[in-house]
Amino acid sequence: MPTSGTQHSPADGRAGRGSLDAEQVIAGAVALADEIGMAAFTIRRLAEAIDSKPMTIYHHVPNKEAIIDGMVDAVFAEIALPPTDTDWRSAMVVRCASMRQVLARHPWAAPLMETRTTPGMATLRHHDAVLGCLRAGGFSLEMTAHAYALIDAFLYGFALQEATLPATAGEEMHELASSMMAQMPTDLFPHLVEFTVGHAMASGYDFGQEFSFGLDLILDGLERAATAS
């Protein structure tokens, strides 16, 4: 599996028929999904992308589900583990910031990350490290479950929203909001108009800034709840 910090390009995995192995199949699959998404992902397209044949792929990875397992594991391998030389909150911020960056590189991955019934070693290592970070921070088992669920629900949801929003900021965001306003019956939606004009169209607005605010809000609440429990 790729090591933490690995980034794939569409050329990854195209080593030729003679030298193909399971790791190259997975690397090629990740690169292809980055390029076309999972809706269009097929074994035939993967074979074309890595200069191979479908049946040759199945010599190395038994089926499509196993390929997806490997793809998810490769993505988990890119996410930084929470560091063990700092407090739980700082460690979780490091892990969450890394996860956001990784999911932005692989926008197809968020819906699949917690669906695999045969997780790989990188997946298991990541979950174990996050659980260990929370437990070392004094969280009970019940609070650990709450924390993990809330933090990851926020991360995956934010990643999905960032993946579907136009990549706009500054003047581009102002132009997009202006275009929307021009088509809106403003007298019917006064609160939407107020928000769009007073906030979304304001200079310097960037949806991505909501990430830190939301994460801090969750961590603040978890810290208070853990202390009270």
C-alpha atoms as a PDB file:
ATOM      1  CA  MET A   1       0.000   0.000   0.000  1.00  0.00           C
ATOM      2  CA  PRO A   2       1.124   3.578  -0.522  1.00  0.00           C
ATOM      3  CA  THR A   3       2.752   5.205   2.452  1.00  0.00           C
ATOM      4  CA  SER A   4       1.418   8.269   4.251  1.00  0.00           C
ATOM      5  CA  GLY A   5       1.586  11.381   2.089  1.00  0.00           C
ATOM      6  CA  THR A   6       1.589   9.482  -1.236  1.00  0.00           C
ATOM      7  CA  GLN A   7      -0.161  11.290  -4.075  1.00  0.00           C
ATOM      8  CA  HIS A   8      -1.204   9.561  -7.266  1.00  0.00           C
ATOM      9  CA  SER A   9      -1.258  10.817 -10.831  1.00  0.00           C
ATOM     10  CA  PRO A  10      -3.188   9.312 -13.754  1.00  0.00           C
ATOM     11  CA  ALA A  11       0.040   7.655 -14.929  1.00  0.00           C
ATOM     12  CA  ASP A  12       0.503   5.710 -11.697  1.00  0.00           C
ATOM     13  CA  GLY A  13       0.173   1.963 -12.088  1.00  0.00           C
ATOM     14  CA  ARG A  14       0.870   1.906 -15.831  1.00  0.00           C
ATOM     15  CA  ALA A  15       3.857  -0.362 -15.527  1.00  0.00           C
ATOM     16  CA  GLY A  16       2.961  -2.634 -18.419  1.00  0.00           C
ATOM     17  CA  ARG A  17       1.625  -6.160 -18.542  1.00  0.00           C
ATOM     18  CA  GLY A  18       4.890  -7.826 -17.650  1.00  0.00           C
ATOM     19  CA  SER A  19       5.444  -6.202 -14.273  1.00  0.00           C
ATOM     20  CA  LEU A  20       1.912  -5.751 -12.936  1.00  0.00           C
ATOM     21  CA  ASP A  21       1.292  -6.567  -9.268  1.00  0.00           C
ATOM     22  CA  ALA A  22      -1.485  -5.961  -6.728  1.00  0.00           C
ATOM     23  CA  GLU A  23       0.027  -2.701  -5.471  1.00  0.00           C
ATOM     24  CA  GLN A  24       0.152  -1.290  -8.997  1.00  0.00           C
ATOM     25  CA  VAL A  25      -3.441  -2.342  -9.599  1.00  0.00           C
ATOM     26  CA  ILE A  26      -4.570  -0.446  -6.499  1.00  0.00           C
ATOM     27  CA  ALA A  27      -2.425   2.598  -7.330  1.00  0.00           C
ATOM     28  CA  GLY A  28      -3.871   2.637 -10.834  1.00  0.00           C
ATOM     29  CA  ALA A  29      -7.396   2.268  -9.455  1.00  0.00           C
ATOM     30  CA  VAL A  30      -6.947   5.228  -7.098  1.00  0.00           C
ATOM     31  CA  ALA A  31      -5.549   7.364  -9.905  1.00  0.00           C
ATOM     32  CA  LEU A  32      -8.403   6.407 -12.221  1.00  0.00           C
ATOM     33  CA  ALA A  33     -11.050   7.157  -9.576  1.00  0.00           C
ATOM     34  CA  ASP A  34      -9.400  10.544  -8.974  1.00  0.00           C
ATOM     35  CA  GLU A  35      -9.747  11.201 -12.694  1.00  0.00           C
ATOM     36  CA  ILE A  36     -13.252   9.903 -13.487  1.00  0.00           C
ATOM     37  CA  GLY A  37     -14.968   9.193 -10.140  1.00  0.00           C
ATOM     38  CA  MET A  38     -16.464   5.926  -8.953  1.00  0.00           C
ATOM     39  CA  ALA A  39     -19.709   6.163 -10.946  1.00  0.00           C
ATOM     40  CA  ALA A  40     -17.746   5.659 -14.166  1.00  0.00           C
ATOM     41  CA  PHE A  41     -15.171   3.294 -12.651  1.00  0.00           C
ATOM     42  CA  THR A  42     -15.118  -0.191 -14.206  1.00  0.00           C
ATOM     43  CA  ILE A  43     -12.559  -2.976 -14.351  1.00  0.00           C
ATOM     44  CA  ARG A  44     -12.378  -2.553 -18.116  1.00  0.00           C
ATOM     45  CA  ARG A  45     -11.502   1.125 -17.754  1.00  0.00           C
ATOM     46  CA  LEU A  46      -8.983   0.260 -15.063  1.00  0.00           C
ATOM     47  CA  ALA A  47      -7.362  -2.293 -17.341  1.00  0.00           C
ATOM     48  CA  GLU A  48      -7.061   0.311 -20.088  1.00  0.00           C
ATOM     49  CA  ALA A  49      -5.621   2.860 -17.633  1.00  0.00           C
ATOM     50  CA  ILE A  50      -2.857   0.533 -16.436  1.00  0.00           C
ATOM     51  CA  ASP A  51      -2.194  -0.988 -19.862  1.00  0.00           C
ATOM     52  CA  SER A  52      -3.472  -4.424 -18.959  1.00  0.00           C
ATOM     53  CA  LYS A  53      -6.468  -6.719 -19.430  1.00  0.00           C
ATOM     54  CA  PRO A  54      -9.379  -7.366 -17.036  1.00  0.00           C
ATOM     55  CA  MET A  55      -8.475 -11.007 -16.550  1.00  0.00           C
ATOM     56  CA  THR A  56      -4.866 -10.076 -15.823  1.00  0.00           C
ATOM     57  CA  ILE A  57      -6.048  -7.766 -13.059  1.00  0.00           C
ATOM     58  CA  TYR A  58      -7.974 -10.638 -11.489  1.00  0.00           C
ATOM     59  CA  HIS A  59      -4.748 -12.631 -11.282  1.00  0.00           C
ATOM     60  CA  HIS A  60      -3.549 -10.077  -8.729  1.00  0.00           C
ATOM     61  CA  VAL A  61      -6.762  -8.882  -7.019  1.00  0.00           C
ATOM     62  CA  PRO A  62      -9.678 -11.342  -6.820  1.00  0.00           C
ATOM     63  CA  ASN A  63     -12.620  -9.037  -7.581  1.00  0.00           C
ATOM     64  CA  LYS A  64     -13.840  -5.447  -7.764  1.00  0.00           C
ATOM     65  CA  GLU A  65     -14.753  -5.345  -4.072  1.00  0.00           C
ATOM     66  CA  ALA A  66     -11.201  -6.294  -3.155  1.00  0.00           C
ATOM     67  CA  ILE A  67      -9.940  -3.508  -5.408  1.00  0.00           C
ATOM     68  CA  ILE A  68     -12.198  -0.999  -3.625  1.00  0.00           C
ATOM     69  CA  ASP A  69     -10.985  -2.346  -0.268  1.00  0.00           C
ATOM     70  CA  GLY A  70      -7.436  -1.654  -1.410  1.00  0.00           C
ATOM     71  CA  MET A  71      -8.323   1.802  -2.708  1.00  0.00           C
ATOM     72  CA  VAL A  72      -9.885   2.806   0.603  1.00  0.00           C
ATOM     73  CA  ASP A  73      -6.918   1.408   2.479  1.00  0.00           C
ATOM     74  CA  ALA A  74      -4.574   3.410   0.256  1.00  0.00           C
ATOM     75  CA  VAL A  75      -6.478   6.586   1.076  1.00  0.00           C
ATOM     76  CA  PHE A  76      -6.349   5.856   4.808  1.00  0.00           C
ATOM     77  CA  ALA A  77      -2.588   5.334   4.456  1.00  0.00           C
ATOM     78  CA  GLU A  78      -2.237   8.929   3.256  1.00  0.00           C
ATOM     79  CA  ILE A  79      -3.949  10.415   6.326  1.00  0.00           C
ATOM     80  CA  ALA A  80      -1.627  11.504   9.129  1.00  0.00           C
ATOM     81  CA  LEU A  81      -2.118   9.616  12.376  1.00  0.00           C
ATOM     82  CA  PRO A  82      -2.772  11.753  15.441  1.00  0.00           C
ATOM     83  CA  PRO A  83       0.653  12.505  16.953  1.00  0.00           C
ATOM     84  CA  THR A  84       1.334  10.947  20.343  1.00  0.00           C
ATOM     85  CA  ASP A  85       3.594  13.702  21.719  1.00  0.00           C
ATOM     86  CA  THR A  86       0.878  16.299  22.313  1.00  0.00           C
ATOM     87  CA  ASP A  87      -2.548  16.650  23.921  1.00  0.00           C
ATOM     88  CA  TRP A  88      -5.551  14.852  22.421  1.00  0.00           C
ATOM     89  CA  ARG A  89      -7.133  17.990  20.999  1.00  0.00           C
ATOM     90  CA  SER A  90      -4.015  19.203  19.182  1.00  0.00           C
ATOM     91  CA  ALA A  91      -3.431  15.677  17.904  1.00  0.00           C
ATOM     92  CA  MET A  92      -6.989  15.455  16.611  1.00  0.00           C
ATOM     93  CA  VAL A  93      -6.656  18.793  14.813  1.00  0.00           C
ATOM     94  CA  VAL A  94      -3.562  17.460  13.001  1.00  0.00           C
ATOM     95  CA  ARG A  95      -5.381  14.292  12.010  1.00  0.00           C
ATOM     96  CA  CYS A  96      -8.535  16.130  10.900  1.00  0.00           C
ATOM     97  CA  ALA A  97      -6.638  18.696   8.822  1.00  0.00           C
ATOM     98  CA  SER A  98      -4.758  15.885   7.091  1.00  0.00           C
ATOM     99  CA  MET A  99      -7.962  13.951   6.472  1.00  0.00           C
ATOM    100  CA  ARG A 100      -9.586  16.982   4.881  1.00  0.00           C
ATOM    101  CA  GLN A 101      -6.621  17.417   2.527  1.00  0.00           C
ATOM    102  CA  VAL A 102      -6.569  13.751   1.587  1.00  0.00           C
ATOM    103  CA  LEU A 103     -10.304  13.597   0.913  1.00  0.00           C
ATOM    104  CA  ALA A 104      -9.979  16.713  -1.246  1.00  0.00           C
ATOM    105  CA  ARG A 105      -7.395  14.848  -3.343  1.00  0.00           C
ATOM    106  CA  HIS A 106      -9.701  11.838  -3.582  1.00  0.00           C
ATOM    107  CA  PRO A 107     -13.266  13.242  -3.667  1.00  0.00           C
ATOM    108  CA  TRP A 108     -14.730   9.819  -4.536  1.00  0.00           C
ATOM    109  CA  ALA A 109     -13.497   8.298  -1.278  1.00  0.00           C
ATOM    110  CA  ALA A 110     -15.623   9.891   1.469  1.00  0.00           C
ATOM    111  CA  PRO A 111     -18.773   7.769   0.896  1.00  0.00           C
ATOM    112  CA  LEU A 112     -16.675   4.579   0.926  1.00  0.00           C
ATOM    113  CA  MET A 113     -14.354   5.123   3.869  1.00  0.00           C
ATOM    114  CA  GLU A 114     -16.533   3.457   6.514  1.00  0.00           C
ATOM    115  CA  THR A 115     -18.299   0.903   4.307  1.00  0.00           C
ATOM    116  CA  ARG A 116     -15.680  -1.815   3.943  1.00  0.00           C
ATOM    117  CA  THR A 117     -16.252  -5.109   5.764  1.00  0.00           C
ATOM    118  CA  THR A 118     -12.713  -6.338   5.079  1.00  0.00           C
ATOM    119  CA  PRO A 119     -10.572  -3.309   6.015  1.00  0.00           C
ATOM    120  CA  GLY A 120      -6.868  -3.284   5.277  1.00  0.00           C
ATOM    121  CA  MET A 121      -3.989  -2.727   7.656  1.00  0.00           C
ATOM    122  CA  ALA A 122      -3.752   1.035   7.071  1.00  0.00           C
ATOM    123  CA  THR A 123      -7.472   1.402   7.787  1.00  0.00           C
ATOM    124  CA  LEU A 124      -7.217  -0.583  11.003  1.00  0.00           C
ATOM    125  CA  ARG A 125      -4.062   1.263  12.056  1.00  0.00           C
ATOM    126  CA  HIS A 126      -5.760   4.598  11.553  1.00  0.00           C
ATOM    127  CA  HIS A 127      -8.857   3.700  13.557  1.00  0.00           C
ATOM    128  CA  ASP A 128      -6.744   2.219  16.339  1.00  0.00           C
ATOM    129  CA  ALA A 129      -4.604   5.362  16.545  1.00  0.00           C
ATOM    130  CA  VAL A 130      -7.620   7.675  16.729  1.00  0.00           C
ATOM    131  CA  LEU A 131      -9.227   5.553  19.431  1.00  0.00           C
ATOM    132  CA  GLY A 132      -5.929   5.506  21.318  1.00  0.00           C
ATOM    133  CA  CYS A 133      -5.646   9.294  21.087  1.00  0.00           C
ATOM    134  CA  LEU A 134      -9.092   9.777  22.610  1.00  0.00           C
ATOM    135  CA  ARG A 135      -8.551   7.187  25.324  1.00  0.00           C
ATOM    136  CA  ALA A 136      -5.171   8.712  26.229  1.00  0.00           C
ATOM    137  CA  GLY A 137      -6.969  12.041  26.487  1.00  0.00           C
ATOM    138  CA  GLY A 138      -9.120  10.675  29.297  1.00  0.00           C
ATOM    139  CA  PHE A 139     -12.250   9.831  27.289  1.00  0.00           C
ATOM    140  CA  SER A 140     -14.363   6.964  28.593  1.00  0.00           C
ATOM    141  CA  LEU A 141     -15.335   4.265  26.118  1.00  0.00           C
ATOM    142  CA  GLU A 142     -18.778   5.825  25.754  1.00  0.00           C
ATOM    143  CA  MET A 143     -17.357   9.316  25.197  1.00  0.00           C
ATOM    144  CA  THR A 144     -14.793   7.885  22.779  1.00  0.00           C
ATOM    145  CA  ALA A 145     -17.637   6.455  20.721  1.00  0.00           C
ATOM    146  CA  HIS A 146     -19.461   9.798  20.761  1.00  0.00           C
ATOM    147  CA  ALA A 147     -16.320  11.709  19.827  1.00  0.00           C
ATOM    148  CA  TYR A 148     -15.294   9.444  16.969  1.00  0.00           C
ATOM    149  CA  ALA A 149     -18.800   9.435  15.493  1.00  0.00           C
ATOM    150  CA  LEU A 150     -19.255  13.206  15.677  1.00  0.00           C
ATOM    151  CA  ILE A 151     -15.794  14.129  14.415  1.00  0.00           C
ATOM    152  CA  ASP A 152     -15.915  11.788  11.443  1.00  0.00           C
ATOM    153  CA  ALA A 153     -19.514  12.667  10.550  1.00  0.00           C
ATOM    154  CA  PHE A 154     -18.342  16.286  10.353  1.00  0.00           C
ATOM    155  CA  LEU A 155     -15.237  15.395   8.329  1.00  0.00           C
ATOM    156  CA  TYR A 156     -17.006  13.238   5.772  1.00  0.00           C
ATOM    157  CA  GLY A 157     -19.910  15.652   5.457  1.00  0.00           C
ATOM    158  CA  PHE A 158     -17.605  18.619   4.970  1.00  0.00           C
ATOM    159  CA  ALA A 159     -15.568  16.701   2.386  1.00  0.00           C
ATOM    160  CA  LEU A 160     -18.706  15.832   0.419  1.00  0.00           C
ATOM    161  CA  GLN A 161     -19.884  19.436   0.468  1.00  0.00           C
ATOM    162  CA  GLU A 162     -16.494  20.792  -0.581  1.00  0.00           C
ATOM    163  CA  ALA A 163     -16.388  18.274  -3.425  1.00  0.00           C
ATOM    164  CA  THR A 164     -19.736  19.454  -4.812  1.00  0.00           C
ATOM    165  CA  LEU A 165     -19.317  23.203  -4.313  1.00  0.00           C
ATOM    166  CA  PRO A 166     -17.835  25.271  -7.137  1.00  0.00           C
ATOM    167  CA  ALA A 167     -14.155  25.957  -6.543  1.00  0.00           C
ATOM    168  CA  THR A 168     -14.775  29.674  -6.103  1.00  0.00           C
ATOM    169  CA  ALA A 169     -13.546  32.310  -3.705  1.00  0.00           C
ATOM    170  CA  GLY A 170     -13.181  36.078  -3.611  1.00  0.00           C
ATOM    171  CA  GLU A 171     -14.312  37.739  -6.844  1.00  0.00           C
ATOM    172  CA  GLU A 172     -15.461  34.428  -8.322  1.00  0.00           C
ATOM    173  CA  MET A 173     -17.711  33.798  -5.325  1.00  0.00           C
ATOM    174  CA  HIS A 174     -19.103  37.336  -5.640  1.00  0.00           C
ATOM    175  CA  GLU A 175     -19.913  36.738  -9.316  1.00  0.00           C
ATOM    176  CA  LEU A 176     -21.575  33.403  -8.540  1.00  0.00           C
ATOM    177  CA  ALA A 177     -23.706  34.905  -5.766  1.00  0.00           C
ATOM    178  CA  SER A 178     -24.622  37.873  -7.981  1.00  0.00           C
ATOM    179  CA  SER A 179     -25.756  35.515 -10.728  1.00  0.00           C
ATOM    180  CA  MET A 180     -27.924  33.593  -8.269  1.00  0.00           C
ATOM    181  CA  MET A 181     -29.408  36.825  -6.918  1.00  0.00           C
ATOM    182  CA  ALA A 182     -30.307  38.001 -10.412  1.00  0.00           C
ATOM    183  CA  GLN A 183     -32.533  34.937 -10.868  1.00  0.00           C
ATOM    184  CA  MET A 184     -34.098  35.011  -7.392  1.00  0.00           C
ATOM    185  CA  PRO A 185     -37.478  36.586  -6.553  1.00  0.00           C
ATOM    186  CA  THR A 186     -35.887  38.583  -3.743  1.00  0.00           C
ATOM    187  CA  ASP A 187     -39.140  39.760  -2.187  1.00  0.00           C
ATOM    188  CA  LEU A 188     -40.126  36.141  -1.453  1.00  0.00           C
ATOM    189  CA  PHE A 189     -36.886  35.153   0.288  1.00  0.00           C
ATOM    190  CA  PRO A 190     -35.778  38.055   2.508  1.00  0.00           C
ATOM    191  CA  HIS A 191     -33.559  36.001   4.822  1.00  0.00           C
ATOM    192  CA  LEU A 192     -31.760  34.304   1.930  1.00  0.00           C
ATOM    193  CA  VAL A 193     -31.181  37.703   0.338  1.00  0.00           C
ATOM    194  CA  GLU A 194     -29.871  39.097   3.626  1.00  0.00           C
ATOM    195  CA  PHE A 195     -27.440  36.200   4.054  1.00  0.00           C
ATOM    196  CA  THR A 196     -26.237  36.231   0.437  1.00  0.00           C
ATOM    197  CA  VAL A 197     -25.673  39.982   0.262  1.00  0.00           C
ATOM    198  CA  GLY A 198     -24.464  40.472   3.821  1.00  0.00           C
ATOM    199  CA  HIS A 199     -22.225  37.428   4.110  1.00  0.00           C
ATOM    200  CA  ALA A 200     -21.672  35.208   1.050  1.00  0.00           C
ATOM    201  CA  MET A 201     -20.976  38.197  -1.206  1.00  0.00           C
ATOM    202  CA  ALA A 202     -18.790  39.937   1.366  1.00  0.00           C
ATOM    203  CA  SER A 203     -15.150  40.478   0.517  1.00  0.00           C
ATOM    204  CA  GLY A 204     -12.937  37.562   1.505  1.00  0.00           C
ATOM    205  CA  TYR A 205     -15.724  35.053   2.139  1.00  0.00           C
ATOM    206  CA  ASP A 206     -14.518  31.473   1.763  1.00  0.00           C
ATOM    207  CA  PHE A 207     -16.643  28.453   2.607  1.00  0.00           C
ATOM    208  CA  GLY A 208     -13.493  26.553   3.545  1.00  0.00           C
ATOM    209  CA  GLN A 209     -13.083  28.805   6.584  1.00  0.00           C
ATOM    210  CA  GLU A 210     -16.094  27.073   8.117  1.00  0.00           C
ATOM    211  CA  PHE A 211     -13.981  23.951   8.614  1.00  0.00           C
ATOM    212  CA  SER A 212     -11.921  25.304  11.499  1.00  0.00           C
ATOM    213  CA  PHE A 213     -14.961  26.937  13.103  1.00  0.00           C
ATOM    214  CA  GLY A 214     -17.004  23.734  12.944  1.00  0.00           C
ATOM    215  CA  LEU A 215     -14.180  21.516  14.157  1.00  0.00           C
ATOM    216  CA  ASP A 216     -13.428  23.826  17.102  1.00  0.00           C
ATOM    217  CA  LEU A 217     -17.106  23.834  18.024  1.00  0.00           C
ATOM    218  CA  ILE A 218     -17.210  20.033  18.098  1.00  0.00           C
ATOM    219  CA  LEU A 219     -13.956  19.703  20.026  1.00  0.00           C
ATOM    220  CA  ASP A 220     -15.078  22.323  22.555  1.00  0.00           C
ATOM    221  CA  GLY A 221     -18.298  20.415  23.180  1.00  0.00           C
ATOM    222  CA  LEU A 222     -16.525  17.078  23.464  1.00  0.00           C
ATOM    223  CA  GLU A 223     -14.003  18.518  25.902  1.00  0.00           C
ATOM    224  CA  ARG A 224     -16.778  19.858  28.127  1.00  0.00           C
ATOM    225  CA  ALA A 225     -18.725  16.597  27.951  1.00  0.00           C
ATOM    226  CA  ALA A 226     -15.664  14.486  28.715  1.00  0.00           C
ATOM    227  CA  THR A 227     -14.806  16.637  31.721  1.00  0.00           C
ATOM    228  CA  ALA A 228     -18.346  16.386  33.055  1.00  0.00           C
ATOM    229  CA  SER A 229     -18.662  12.627  32.604  1.00  0.00           C
END
